[in-house]
Each structure stands twice: as C-alpha cells, then as structure tokens.
C-alpha cells in the first residue's frame, strides 16, 4: 500500500493534465510508505507514449529528498490516452522493485491514478490511499 497526501495527489493530476498530450513524469518523496513530496520532472522525450527524466532534475530531486530526510518512494507518469496500467516498456524499464510505480490515465473524463509494484517483469496492483 502507498499513502499519498491529498495535496500531492492533486499536484500529480494537475501535472498530467497540464503536460498532456505528452506524458508527465516525476518522483514522489516520503517515508514509511507515505508520499508527502512531489518532484516534477521534464519529459525530455516530449512523447505521448514514453518518457525519460532529465538527469540534472533527477539528481536535484534525490538531493532535495535527502536533505529533507525523505526517500524517493515512487515514480509516476501519465498515460494521456491509454488506461492506467503498465505498458511493456514501463515494466521493462522498472529497475527498482522497492519503489511504487504510479500511472495516471487521462483516457476517461475523470483521471484515474493506480499504483503498481514491479519485480522480475511482473506488475502487481498496489492499494492507493489518499490522506
């Protein structure tokens, strides 16, 4: 289970909507399974079908999280026109089995946010609680 503060949840949804039609992406920082900080990244691919982080932004997020005594506990990205489930590419590129992988779908009128744990090429749904 991952717990996400309402303000972080709202910021993720807004980021996805603002960056559409390209995929939005970023990290969530927190501790003890609670995401309390969002680190918005630039999708340097500028694509509606995949994303890549800017390495300088990644380093800055890691540094800021460390300074705040947080860990990067989740990676998020949006699917502007497809469901909130990991694509083959999402699964293949999920290198850290210790974090959550959050996907926001904008395919429906109301955005859908889902979280997954991905390990050894298998994606499992993870419960999301907005606090």
C-alpha atoms as a PDB file:
ATOM      1  CA  UNK A   1       0.000   0.000   0.000  1.00  0.00           C
ATOM      2  CA  UNK A   2       1.093   3.557  -0.687  1.00  0.00           C
ATOM      3  CA  UNK A   3      -0.423   6.539   1.068  1.00  0.00           C
ATOM      4  CA  UNK A   4      -0.407   9.852  -0.807  1.00  0.00           C
ATOM      5  CA  UNK A   5      -1.273  13.200   0.710  1.00  0.00           C
ATOM      6  CA  UNK A   6      -4.205  14.928  -0.981  1.00  0.00           C
ATOM      7  CA  UNK A   7      -2.038  17.878  -1.989  1.00  0.00           C
ATOM      8  CA  UNK A   8       0.491  15.575  -3.694  1.00  0.00           C
ATOM      9  CA  UNK A   9      -2.332  13.632  -5.384  1.00  0.00           C
ATOM     10  CA  UNK A  10      -3.850  16.883  -6.701  1.00  0.00           C
ATOM     11  CA  UNK A  11      -0.429  18.044  -7.941  1.00  0.00           C
ATOM     12  CA  UNK A  12       0.157  14.769  -9.825  1.00  0.00           C
ATOM     13  CA  UNK A  13      -3.231  15.028 -11.556  1.00  0.00           C
ATOM     14  CA  UNK A  14      -2.637  18.710 -12.432  1.00  0.00           C
ATOM     15  CA  UNK A  15       0.825  17.895 -13.811  1.00  0.00           C
ATOM     16  CA  UNK A  16      -0.624  15.131 -16.003  1.00  0.00           C
ATOM     17  CA  UNK A  17      -3.370  17.420 -17.307  1.00  0.00           C
ATOM     18  CA  UNK A  18      -1.015  20.370 -17.898  1.00  0.00           C
ATOM     19  CA  UNK A  19       1.563  18.305 -19.805  1.00  0.00           C
ATOM     20  CA  UNK A  20      -0.994  16.489 -21.990  1.00  0.00           C
ATOM     21  CA  UNK A  21      -0.780  15.383 -24.715  1.00  0.00           C
ATOM     22  CA  UNK A  22       2.750  14.317 -23.713  1.00  0.00           C
ATOM     23  CA  UNK A  23       3.414  12.045 -20.741  1.00  0.00           C
ATOM     24  CA  UNK A  24       4.084  13.852 -17.476  1.00  0.00           C
ATOM     25  CA  UNK A  25       6.608  12.273 -15.120  1.00  0.00           C
ATOM     26  CA  UNK A  26       8.244  12.650 -11.742  1.00  0.00           C
ATOM     27  CA  UNK A  27       9.089  11.181  -8.362  1.00  0.00           C
ATOM     28  CA  UNK A  28       7.336  11.092  -5.023  1.00  0.00           C
ATOM     29  CA  UNK A  29       9.329  11.504  -1.853  1.00  0.00           C
ATOM     30  CA  UNK A  30       8.318  10.288   1.551  1.00  0.00           C
ATOM     31  CA  UNK A  31       8.910   7.767   4.272  1.00  0.00           C
ATOM     32  CA  UNK A  32       7.157   4.804   5.828  1.00  0.00           C
ATOM     33  CA  UNK A  33       5.033   4.313   2.696  1.00  0.00           C
ATOM     34  CA  UNK A  34       3.624   7.854   2.784  1.00  0.00           C
ATOM     35  CA  UNK A  35       4.276  10.165  -0.171  1.00  0.00           C
ATOM     36  CA  UNK A  36       4.415  13.733   1.078  1.00  0.00           C
ATOM     37  CA  UNK A  37       6.500  15.466  -1.591  1.00  0.00           C
ATOM     38  CA  UNK A  38       6.276  15.576  -5.397  1.00  0.00           C
ATOM     39  CA  UNK A  39       9.238  16.166  -7.664  1.00  0.00           C
ATOM     40  CA  UNK A  40       8.027  17.153 -11.123  1.00  0.00           C
ATOM     41  CA  UNK A  41      10.361  16.195 -13.967  1.00  0.00           C
ATOM     42  CA  UNK A  42      10.627  17.273 -17.577  1.00  0.00           C
ATOM     43  CA  UNK A  43       9.829  14.532 -20.081  1.00  0.00           C
ATOM     44  CA  UNK A  44      12.866  15.100 -22.275  1.00  0.00           C
ATOM     45  CA  UNK A  45      11.403  12.691 -24.864  1.00  0.00           C
ATOM     46  CA  UNK A  46       8.417  15.014 -25.363  1.00  0.00           C
ATOM     47  CA  UNK A  47       6.371  11.940 -26.243  1.00  0.00           C
ATOM     48  CA  UNK A  48       2.768  10.884 -25.682  1.00  0.00           C
ATOM     49  CA  UNK A  49       3.894   7.234 -25.471  1.00  0.00           C
ATOM     50  CA  UNK A  50       7.003   7.215 -23.271  1.00  0.00           C
ATOM     51  CA  UNK A  51       9.135   9.383 -21.038  1.00  0.00           C
ATOM     52  CA  UNK A  52      12.690   9.983 -19.919  1.00  0.00           C
ATOM     53  CA  UNK A  53      13.781  12.134 -16.995  1.00  0.00           C
ATOM     54  CA  UNK A  54      16.254  14.978 -17.271  1.00  0.00           C
ATOM     55  CA  UNK A  55      19.310  13.620 -15.367  1.00  0.00           C
ATOM     56  CA  UNK A  56      20.007  17.010 -13.749  1.00  0.00           C
ATOM     57  CA  UNK A  57      16.431  17.140 -12.425  1.00  0.00           C
ATOM     58  CA  UNK A  58      16.722  13.556 -11.166  1.00  0.00           C
ATOM     59  CA  UNK A  59      19.864  14.405  -9.221  1.00  0.00           C
ATOM     60  CA  UNK A  60      18.262  17.570  -7.815  1.00  0.00           C
ATOM     61  CA  UNK A  61      15.207  15.584  -6.640  1.00  0.00           C
ATOM     62  CA  UNK A  62      17.399  12.969  -4.967  1.00  0.00           C
ATOM     63  CA  UNK A  63      19.470  15.673  -3.285  1.00  0.00           C
ATOM     64  CA  UNK A  64      16.429  17.619  -2.055  1.00  0.00           C
ATOM     65  CA  UNK A  65      14.737  14.467  -0.760  1.00  0.00           C
ATOM     66  CA  UNK A  66      17.903  13.512   1.096  1.00  0.00           C
ATOM     67  CA  UNK A  67      18.161  16.989   2.633  1.00  0.00           C
ATOM     68  CA  UNK A  68      14.563  16.647   3.841  1.00  0.00           C
ATOM     69  CA  UNK A  69      15.323  13.176   5.246  1.00  0.00           C
ATOM     70  CA  UNK A  70      12.981  11.585   2.673  1.00  0.00           C
ATOM     71  CA  UNK A  71      13.439   8.718   0.243  1.00  0.00           C
ATOM     72  CA  UNK A  72      12.210   8.576  -3.335  1.00  0.00           C
ATOM     73  CA  UNK A  73       9.432   6.048  -2.816  1.00  0.00           C
ATOM     74  CA  UNK A  74       7.590   6.250  -6.141  1.00  0.00           C
ATOM     75  CA  UNK A  75       7.997   7.108  -9.792  1.00  0.00           C
ATOM     76  CA  UNK A  76       4.935   8.465 -11.548  1.00  0.00           C
ATOM     77  CA  UNK A  77       3.961   9.159 -15.115  1.00  0.00           C
ATOM     78  CA  UNK A  78       0.809   9.732 -17.114  1.00  0.00           C
ATOM     79  CA  UNK A  79      -0.864   7.903 -19.949  1.00  0.00           C
ATOM     80  CA  UNK A  80      -2.658  10.680 -21.842  1.00  0.00           C
ATOM     81  CA  UNK A  81      -4.801   8.359 -23.978  1.00  0.00           C
ATOM     82  CA  UNK A  82      -4.464   4.843 -22.540  1.00  0.00           C
ATOM     83  CA  UNK A  83      -5.521   3.091 -19.315  1.00  0.00           C
ATOM     84  CA  UNK A  84      -3.627   3.313 -16.020  1.00  0.00           C
ATOM     85  CA  UNK A  85      -1.713   0.067 -16.393  1.00  0.00           C
ATOM     86  CA  UNK A  86       1.969  -0.533 -17.090  1.00  0.00           C
ATOM     87  CA  UNK A  87       2.933  -0.962 -20.717  1.00  0.00           C
ATOM     88  CA  UNK A  88       5.544  -3.498 -21.754  1.00  0.00           C
ATOM     89  CA  UNK A  89       8.073  -0.663 -21.843  1.00  0.00           C
ATOM     90  CA  UNK A  90       7.024   0.508 -18.359  1.00  0.00           C
ATOM     91  CA  UNK A  91       7.622  -2.995 -16.993  1.00  0.00           C
ATOM     92  CA  UNK A  92      10.919  -3.446 -18.846  1.00  0.00           C
ATOM     93  CA  UNK A  93      12.280  -0.128 -17.534  1.00  0.00           C
ATOM     94  CA  UNK A  94      11.142  -0.610 -13.913  1.00  0.00           C
ATOM     95  CA  UNK A  95      14.550  -1.253 -12.362  1.00  0.00           C
ATOM     96  CA  UNK A  96      13.815  -0.729  -8.675  1.00  0.00           C
ATOM     97  CA  UNK A  97      11.492  -3.312  -7.070  1.00  0.00           C
ATOM     98  CA  UNK A  98      11.495  -1.290  -3.835  1.00  0.00           C
ATOM     99  CA  UNK A  99       9.500   1.666  -5.146  1.00  0.00           C
ATOM    100  CA  UNK A 100       5.943   2.140  -6.359  1.00  0.00           C
ATOM    101  CA  UNK A 101       5.176   2.876  -9.991  1.00  0.00           C
ATOM    102  CA  UNK A 102       2.202   5.202 -10.312  1.00  0.00           C
ATOM    103  CA  UNK A 103       0.326   5.752 -13.557  1.00  0.00           C
ATOM    104  CA  UNK A 104      -2.298   8.439 -14.156  1.00  0.00           C
ATOM    105  CA  UNK A 105      -4.645   7.817 -17.064  1.00  0.00           C
ATOM    106  CA  UNK A 106      -6.368  10.725 -18.776  1.00  0.00           C
ATOM    107  CA  UNK A 107      -8.235   8.432 -21.192  1.00  0.00           C
ATOM    108  CA  UNK A 108     -11.550   8.988 -19.383  1.00  0.00           C
ATOM    109  CA  UNK A 109     -13.232  12.236 -18.370  1.00  0.00           C
ATOM    110  CA  UNK A 110     -12.097  11.729 -14.761  1.00  0.00           C
ATOM    111  CA  UNK A 111      -8.385  10.962 -14.301  1.00  0.00           C
ATOM    112  CA  UNK A 112      -7.566   7.515 -12.887  1.00  0.00           C
ATOM    113  CA  UNK A 113      -4.497   7.009 -10.679  1.00  0.00           C
ATOM    114  CA  UNK A 114      -3.206   3.493  -9.974  1.00  0.00           C
ATOM    115  CA  UNK A 115      -0.062   2.180  -8.359  1.00  0.00           C
ATOM    116  CA  UNK A 116       1.955  -0.940  -9.074  1.00  0.00           C
ATOM    117  CA  UNK A 117       4.885  -2.851  -7.679  1.00  0.00           C
ATOM    118  CA  UNK A 118       7.018  -4.224 -10.482  1.00  0.00           C
ATOM    119  CA  UNK A 119       9.500  -7.006  -9.840  1.00  0.00           C
ATOM    120  CA  UNK A 120      11.120  -9.518 -12.176  1.00  0.00           C
ATOM    121  CA  UNK A 121       8.986  -8.378 -15.095  1.00  0.00           C
ATOM    122  CA  UNK A 122       5.694  -8.784 -13.219  1.00  0.00           C
ATOM    123  CA  UNK A 123       3.397  -5.903 -12.249  1.00  0.00           C
ATOM    124  CA  UNK A 124       1.108  -6.202  -9.231  1.00  0.00           C
ATOM    125  CA  UNK A 125      -1.608  -3.715  -8.296  1.00  0.00           C
ATOM    126  CA  UNK A 126      -0.887  -1.779  -5.134  1.00  0.00           C
ATOM    127  CA  UNK A 127      -3.539  -0.178  -2.968  1.00  0.00           C
ATOM    128  CA  UNK A 128      -3.529   3.648  -3.016  1.00  0.00           C
ATOM    129  CA  UNK A 129      -4.876   5.596  -0.051  1.00  0.00           C
ATOM    130  CA  UNK A 130      -5.302   9.362  -0.352  1.00  0.00           C
ATOM    131  CA  UNK A 131      -4.802  11.008   3.048  1.00  0.00           C
END
